[in-house]
Amino acid sequence: MSQTVLLCPGQGAQAVGMGTAWAAASSAARTIIETADRTVSLPIGMTLSAICANGPLEQLSRTDISQPALYTVGVACAAAMHERAPLSLAAAAGLSLGEYTALHLAGSFSFEDGLRLVALRGRFMQDAAETSQGGMVALIGADEEKALEVCAKAAEGDCLVCANFNAPGQIVLSGHAAACDRAVTVAGELGLRAAKLTVAGAFHSPLMQPAAERLAEALDRTAFSAPSCPVWSNVTARPHGDDPATIKRLLVEQLTAPVRWSQSCTDLIAAMRSGGTVVTYREVAPGTVLKGLMKRIDRTCEVTSHDQPDPVAA
C-alpha cells in the first residue's frame, strides 16, 4: 500500500461553503465539525459550522475566525478520507496555520487542544494587527536577493521583511503599511510586479511579536507529543524532531519568521524520493492553493486536492 503525504492549507484558502460537502458525505467529518462547535466560541456569536457554511466571506476571512475554521475543515476532510480508506502517513506539512493541522494529523496533540490553540493564535494575531498598522505585499518574479533589495530600499526605518517564500518567483513582504506602499513603487523600479494584499496586518514579521509572546504562554499550557511521522517546520524548512519543547518554540518563532514553504516542499519531496517510499501527495480541504504552488515548486510532483469528496483533478 502506498503511503500518503498530507498538505494542509493556511489562511487565504477559506471560502464560504467549505467543509459542508464533506460533512454531508461523512459521519467522521460531521463529528469533527460538531466537536468544533462545542469547543470554541467565535467573537461574532455564530457557530463555526454556520459561518463556514453560510459566511459572509468578510467575517469568515477575519484572522480570528478563519484560523479555527481552516483547521477544523482540514481535520474533518482528513477524517473523512481516513474513514473511506485508511491513510498511512509518510509525512505532513502545512502552510503557516496549516502546520497546526499537520501536527495534529501526525498525533502531536488532540483535535480539541489544537483547535483551542489556533483560535487563540488567530485572536492574538488579530489583536497585534489592529495595533501595528501593518500590511503585506506580493512580489512576482523576485528571488530572495531581489526581495531583500526591495526591503532594504523601501523600509526607510520602518519594518519590512520577507514573510512568505511560497514558490519560485512568488515572495510576500510584510511590515508597516507605509513601507508596503513604498515597496510597490520600488519593486516597479526594479522591474518586478507587486501588489498589496488584503490582509489584517503584517503577519510573519516582527510586528507579530506581541502575538508570539501570548502564544508562547498558551503553548506552554498544552500537552504535545512527538509526531508519528515527519512534519515539516515552516521556520526551518526541515522536519520537526521529537522534542515537544522545540516544536513549541518553532511554532512561536513562526509568527515572526518567514514561512519557507517552497524550501519545505523541495526538501520533503527529496526526502520521500531518497527513502524510496511510494507516496501520494494529497491536499486536505479547503481549496487548491497548495496544488497550485506545487506546480511552481516541482512540476513532477502531482498533488490531488480534496476540496470536495471524490474530487476531479483541477
Protein backbone atom coordinates (compact mmCIF):
# COMPACT_ATOMS: atom_id res chain seq x y z
CA MET A 1 0.00 0.00 0.00
CA SER A 2 1.37 3.40 -0.94
CA GLN A 3 1.76 5.98 1.79
CA THR A 4 0.30 9.47 1.88
CA VAL A 5 1.83 12.91 2.31
CA LEU A 6 -0.80 15.34 3.55
CA LEU A 7 -0.52 19.03 2.69
CA CYS A 8 -2.58 21.41 4.81
CA PRO A 9 -3.60 24.90 3.61
CA GLY A 10 -3.27 28.13 5.53
CA GLN A 11 -5.09 31.42 5.78
CA GLY A 12 -6.32 32.67 2.42
CA ALA A 13 -7.76 29.32 1.36
CA GLN A 14 -11.07 29.95 3.14
CA ALA A 15 -14.29 30.06 1.11
CA VAL A 16 -17.98 30.14 2.02
CA GLY A 17 -19.34 26.61 1.98
CA MET A 18 -16.04 24.98 2.86
CA GLY A 19 -16.36 21.60 4.51
CA THR A 20 -20.12 21.31 4.03
CA ALA A 21 -19.91 18.65 1.32
CA TRP A 22 -17.54 16.59 3.43
CA ALA A 23 -19.85 16.91 6.45
CA ALA A 24 -22.79 15.74 4.35
CA ALA A 25 -20.84 12.78 2.99
CA SER A 26 -19.03 11.55 6.11
CA SER A 27 -20.03 10.88 9.70
CA ALA A 28 -16.37 11.27 10.71
CA ALA A 29 -16.25 14.77 9.22
CA ARG A 30 -19.55 15.69 10.89
CA THR A 31 -18.22 14.55 14.25
CA ILE A 32 -15.16 16.81 13.91
CA ILE A 33 -17.26 19.83 12.95
CA GLU A 34 -19.80 19.22 15.73
CA THR A 35 -16.94 18.92 18.22
CA ALA A 36 -15.55 22.23 16.99
CA ASP A 37 -18.90 23.93 17.53
CA ARG A 38 -18.88 22.74 21.16
CA THR A 39 -15.23 23.60 21.77
CA VAL A 40 -14.84 27.20 20.61
CA SER A 41 -16.98 30.31 20.75
CA LEU A 42 -16.49 32.81 17.98
CA PRO A 43 -16.38 36.57 18.67
CA ILE A 44 -19.37 37.17 16.37
CA GLY A 45 -21.75 34.84 18.20
CA MET A 46 -22.12 32.31 15.37
CA THR A 47 -21.09 28.66 15.39
CA LEU A 48 -18.06 27.64 13.39
CA SER A 49 -20.14 25.36 11.17
CA ALA A 50 -22.64 28.12 10.42
CA ILE A 51 -20.08 30.67 9.30
CA CYS A 52 -18.22 28.05 7.23
CA ALA A 53 -21.45 27.07 5.52
CA ASN A 54 -23.07 30.47 5.07
CA GLY A 55 -20.46 33.18 5.50
CA PRO A 56 -20.39 36.06 4.92
CA LEU A 57 -16.88 35.82 3.46
CA GLU A 58 -15.85 39.10 5.11
CA GLN A 59 -16.49 37.57 8.54
CA LEU A 60 -15.08 34.15 7.63
CA SER A 61 -11.87 35.84 6.46
CA ARG A 62 -11.23 37.52 9.81
CA THR A 63 -7.98 36.16 11.22
CA ASP A 64 -9.59 35.12 14.50
CA ILE A 65 -12.30 33.18 12.64
CA SER A 66 -10.57 31.81 9.55
CA GLN A 67 -7.83 30.09 11.54
CA PRO A 68 -10.04 27.80 13.67
CA ALA A 69 -12.31 27.33 10.65
CA LEU A 70 -9.48 26.22 8.35
CA TYR A 71 -8.02 23.91 10.99
CA THR A 72 -11.43 22.30 11.59
CA VAL A 73 -12.24 21.79 7.91
CA GLY A 74 -8.78 20.35 7.20
CA VAL A 75 -9.07 17.84 10.04
CA ALA A 76 -12.66 16.98 9.06
CA CYS A 77 -11.56 16.31 5.48
CA ALA A 78 -8.69 14.07 6.62
CA ALA A 79 -11.05 12.19 8.96
CA ALA A 80 -13.47 11.58 6.10
CA MET A 81 -10.67 10.40 3.82
CA HIS A 82 -9.44 8.01 6.50
CA GLU A 83 -13.00 6.76 7.09
CA ARG A 84 -13.28 5.82 3.41
CA ALA A 85 -9.83 4.25 3.07
CA PRO A 86 -7.36 4.22 5.99
CA LEU A 87 -4.42 6.56 5.44
CA SER A 88 -0.84 5.54 6.11
CA LEU A 89 1.03 8.81 6.64
CA ALA A 90 4.58 9.11 5.33
CA ALA A 91 4.80 12.82 6.15
CA ALA A 92 2.77 16.02 6.54
CA ALA A 93 3.28 19.73 6.03
CA GLY A 94 1.13 22.80 6.37
CA LEU A 95 1.41 26.39 5.23
CA SER A 96 1.55 28.71 8.27
CA LEU A 97 -1.71 27.93 10.15
CA GLY A 98 -1.73 24.61 8.29
CA GLU A 99 1.32 23.48 10.27
CA TYR A 100 -1.03 23.00 13.25
CA THR A 101 -3.33 20.84 11.12
CA ALA A 102 -0.35 18.77 10.02
CA LEU A 103 0.93 18.34 13.58
CA HIS A 104 -2.49 17.23 14.83
CA LEU A 105 -2.86 14.73 11.98
CA ALA A 106 0.56 13.36 12.99
CA GLY A 107 -0.68 12.90 16.55
CA SER A 108 1.19 15.71 18.32
CA PHE A 109 -1.92 16.97 20.14
CA SER A 110 -5.64 16.33 20.34
CA PHE A 111 -8.09 17.94 17.96
CA GLU A 112 -9.65 19.99 20.76
CA ASP A 113 -6.30 21.21 22.11
CA GLY A 114 -5.21 22.18 18.61
CA LEU A 115 -8.47 23.98 17.98
CA ARG A 116 -8.15 25.99 21.17
CA LEU A 117 -4.57 26.87 20.22
CA VAL A 118 -5.39 28.07 16.71
CA ALA A 119 -8.38 30.04 17.98
CA LEU A 120 -6.06 31.84 20.40
CA ARG A 121 -3.40 32.22 17.71
CA GLY A 122 -5.93 33.88 15.42
CA ARG A 123 -7.15 36.20 18.17
CA PHE A 124 -3.62 37.18 19.19
CA MET A 125 -2.64 37.86 15.57
CA GLN A 126 -5.82 39.88 15.01
CA ASP A 127 -5.07 41.97 18.11
CA ALA A 128 -1.45 42.56 17.04
CA ALA A 129 -2.58 43.50 13.54
CA GLU A 130 -5.07 46.05 14.82
CA THR A 131 -2.43 47.83 16.89
CA SER A 132 0.53 47.77 14.47
CA GLN A 133 -0.89 49.26 11.24
CA GLY A 134 0.85 46.76 9.02
CA GLY A 135 0.31 45.13 5.66
CA MET A 136 1.72 42.66 3.13
CA VAL A 137 2.86 42.90 -0.49
CA ALA A 138 3.21 40.06 -3.01
CA LEU A 139 6.21 40.18 -5.33
CA ILE A 140 6.00 38.25 -8.59
CA GLY A 141 9.21 37.35 -10.39
CA ALA A 142 11.56 38.04 -7.49
CA ASP A 143 14.15 35.74 -5.97
CA GLU A 144 15.23 36.15 -2.34
CA GLU A 145 18.10 38.50 -3.26
CA LYS A 146 15.76 40.83 -5.17
CA ALA A 147 13.16 40.69 -2.41
CA LEU A 148 15.76 41.68 0.18
CA GLU A 149 16.82 44.56 -2.08
CA VAL A 150 13.22 45.81 -2.19
CA CYS A 151 13.06 45.61 1.62
CA ALA A 152 16.34 47.50 2.05
CA LYS A 153 15.31 50.31 -0.30
CA ALA A 154 11.69 50.66 0.85
CA ALA A 155 11.96 50.25 4.63
CA GLU A 156 13.28 53.76 5.43
CA GLY A 157 13.40 52.92 9.12
CA ASP A 158 10.09 51.05 9.18
CA CYS A 159 9.66 47.29 9.47
CA LEU A 160 9.71 45.49 6.11
CA VAL A 161 10.80 41.86 5.78
CA CYS A 162 10.34 38.76 3.63
CA ALA A 163 7.40 36.90 5.14
CA ASN A 164 6.48 34.06 2.77
CA PHE A 165 8.60 32.15 0.28
CA ASN A 166 5.62 30.45 -1.34
CA ALA A 167 7.12 29.24 -4.62
CA PRO A 168 9.91 30.24 -7.02
CA GLY A 169 9.18 33.77 -8.14
CA GLN A 170 6.45 34.27 -5.53
CA ILE A 171 7.58 36.03 -2.35
CA VAL A 172 5.46 38.04 0.08
CA LEU A 173 6.80 41.01 2.07
CA SER A 174 5.38 42.12 5.41
CA GLY A 175 5.74 45.23 7.55
CA HIS A 176 4.44 48.70 8.30
CA ALA A 177 1.76 49.90 5.87
CA ALA A 178 3.82 52.89 4.71
CA ALA A 179 6.78 50.63 3.93
CA CYS A 180 4.49 48.29 1.99
CA ASP A 181 3.32 51.24 -0.11
CA ARG A 182 6.92 52.18 -0.85
CA ALA A 183 7.74 48.54 -1.67
CA VAL A 184 5.22 48.55 -4.51
CA THR A 185 6.96 51.58 -6.04
CA VAL A 186 10.48 50.21 -5.51
CA ALA A 187 9.52 46.82 -6.95
CA GLY A 188 8.26 48.53 -10.12
CA GLU A 189 11.54 50.42 -10.44
CA LEU A 190 13.38 47.08 -10.25
CA GLY A 191 11.21 45.54 -12.94
CA LEU A 192 9.13 43.41 -10.59
CA ARG A 193 5.36 43.10 -10.33
CA ALA A 194 3.97 43.87 -6.89
CA ALA A 195 0.52 44.01 -5.34
CA LYS A 196 -0.68 44.85 -1.86
CA LEU A 197 -2.64 42.03 -0.25
CA THR A 198 -5.97 42.38 1.53
CA VAL A 199 -4.89 41.16 4.96
CA ALA A 200 -5.45 42.31 8.52
CA GLY A 201 -1.80 43.00 9.29
CA ALA A 202 1.90 42.29 8.92
CA PHE A 203 1.94 38.55 9.51
CA HIS A 204 5.25 36.66 9.87
CA SER A 205 7.10 39.85 10.73
CA PRO A 206 8.49 41.40 13.93
CA LEU A 207 5.19 43.31 14.26
CA MET A 208 3.66 39.99 15.39
CA GLN A 209 5.96 39.78 18.45
CA PRO A 210 3.15 40.65 20.92
CA ALA A 211 1.12 37.77 19.48
CA ALA A 212 4.13 35.44 19.67
CA GLU A 213 4.62 36.19 23.37
CA ARG A 214 0.98 35.44 24.16
CA LEU A 215 1.02 32.30 22.02
CA ALA A 216 4.09 31.02 23.87
CA GLU A 217 2.10 31.03 27.11
CA ALA A 218 -0.78 29.11 25.51
CA LEU A 219 1.61 26.55 24.02
CA ASP A 220 3.26 26.05 27.41
CA ARG A 221 -0.12 25.00 28.83
CA THR A 222 -0.81 22.50 26.02
CA ALA A 223 0.29 18.85 26.02
CA PHE A 224 2.37 17.88 22.96
CA SER A 225 3.75 14.53 21.83
CA ALA A 226 6.38 13.67 19.24
CA PRO A 227 4.77 13.45 15.79
CA SER A 228 4.18 9.93 14.46
CA CYS A 229 5.59 10.89 11.04
CA PRO A 230 7.86 13.71 9.81
CA VAL A 231 6.13 17.10 9.86
CA TRP A 232 7.92 19.96 8.13
CA SER A 233 8.56 23.20 10.03
CA ASN A 234 7.80 26.47 8.26
CA VAL A 235 10.70 28.13 10.06
CA THR A 236 13.50 25.67 9.31
CA ALA A 237 12.13 24.02 6.13
CA ARG A 238 13.14 20.76 7.78
CA PRO A 239 11.17 18.10 9.69
CA HIS A 240 10.39 18.71 13.33
CA GLY A 241 12.25 16.49 15.76
CA ASP A 242 10.73 14.53 18.63
CA ASP A 243 11.18 17.15 21.36
CA PRO A 244 7.84 18.85 22.16
CA ALA A 245 9.59 21.90 23.65
CA THR A 246 11.45 22.51 20.40
CA ILE A 247 8.28 22.11 18.34
CA LYS A 248 6.55 24.69 20.54
CA ARG A 249 9.49 27.10 20.23
CA LEU A 250 9.39 26.87 16.44
CA LEU A 251 5.63 27.48 16.41
CA VAL A 252 6.24 30.68 18.40
CA GLU A 253 9.03 31.74 16.03
CA GLN A 254 6.76 31.05 13.08
CA LEU A 255 4.69 34.17 13.87
CA THR A 256 7.67 36.50 13.36
CA ALA A 257 9.87 34.47 10.97
CA PRO A 258 9.40 33.89 7.24
CA VAL A 259 7.37 30.89 6.08
CA ARG A 260 9.72 28.82 3.91
CA TRP A 261 7.08 26.80 2.08
CA SER A 262 8.93 26.46 -1.20
CA GLN A 263 12.04 25.14 0.53
CA SER A 264 9.94 22.86 2.74
CA CYS A 265 8.26 21.23 -0.25
CA THR A 266 11.56 20.81 -2.08
CA ASP A 267 13.13 19.15 0.95
CA LEU A 268 10.07 16.99 1.60
CA ILE A 269 9.99 15.68 -1.98
CA ALA A 270 13.72 14.92 -1.87
CA ALA A 271 13.31 13.07 1.44
CA MET A 272 10.49 10.92 0.10
CA ARG A 273 12.42 10.06 -3.06
CA SER A 274 15.65 9.27 -1.23
CA GLY A 275 13.77 6.93 1.08
CA GLY A 276 12.38 5.00 -1.86
CA THR A 277 8.85 5.27 -0.49
CA VAL A 278 5.95 5.29 -2.94
CA VAL A 279 3.80 8.21 -1.82
CA THR A 280 0.76 10.16 -2.98
CA TYR A 281 0.52 13.86 -2.22
CA ARG A 282 -2.94 14.90 -1.07
CA GLU A 283 -4.14 18.39 -0.14
CA VAL A 284 -6.85 18.48 2.50
CA ALA A 285 -9.76 20.91 2.21
CA PRO A 286 -10.41 23.70 1.57
CA GLY A 287 -9.29 24.85 -1.87
CA THR A 288 -6.46 24.00 -4.25
CA VAL A 289 -3.90 26.65 -3.25
CA LEU A 290 -1.15 24.18 -2.36
CA LYS A 291 -1.67 22.16 -5.54
CA GLY A 292 -1.13 25.38 -7.49
CA LEU A 293 2.01 26.30 -5.56
CA MET A 294 3.44 22.81 -6.05
CA LYS A 295 3.16 23.22 -9.83
CA ARG A 296 5.59 26.12 -9.49
CA ILE A 297 7.85 24.34 -6.98
CA ASP A 298 8.21 20.94 -8.68
CA ARG A 299 6.19 20.10 -11.78
CA THR A 300 6.99 16.40 -11.39
CA CYS A 301 5.12 16.25 -8.06
CA GLU A 302 1.42 15.54 -8.57
CA VAL A 303 -0.93 16.76 -5.83
CA THR A 304 -4.57 15.71 -5.54
CA SER A 305 -6.77 18.32 -3.85
CA HIS A 306 -9.70 17.19 -1.74
CA ASP A 307 -11.74 20.37 -1.53
CA GLN A 308 -14.84 18.23 -2.23
CA PRO A 309 -15.49 14.50 -1.83
CA ASP A 310 -14.34 12.43 -4.80
CA PRO A 311 -12.61 15.40 -6.47
CA VAL A 312 -11.78 15.68 -10.12
CA ALA A 313 -8.16 16.76 -10.57
CA ALA A 314 -8.07 20.50 -11.06
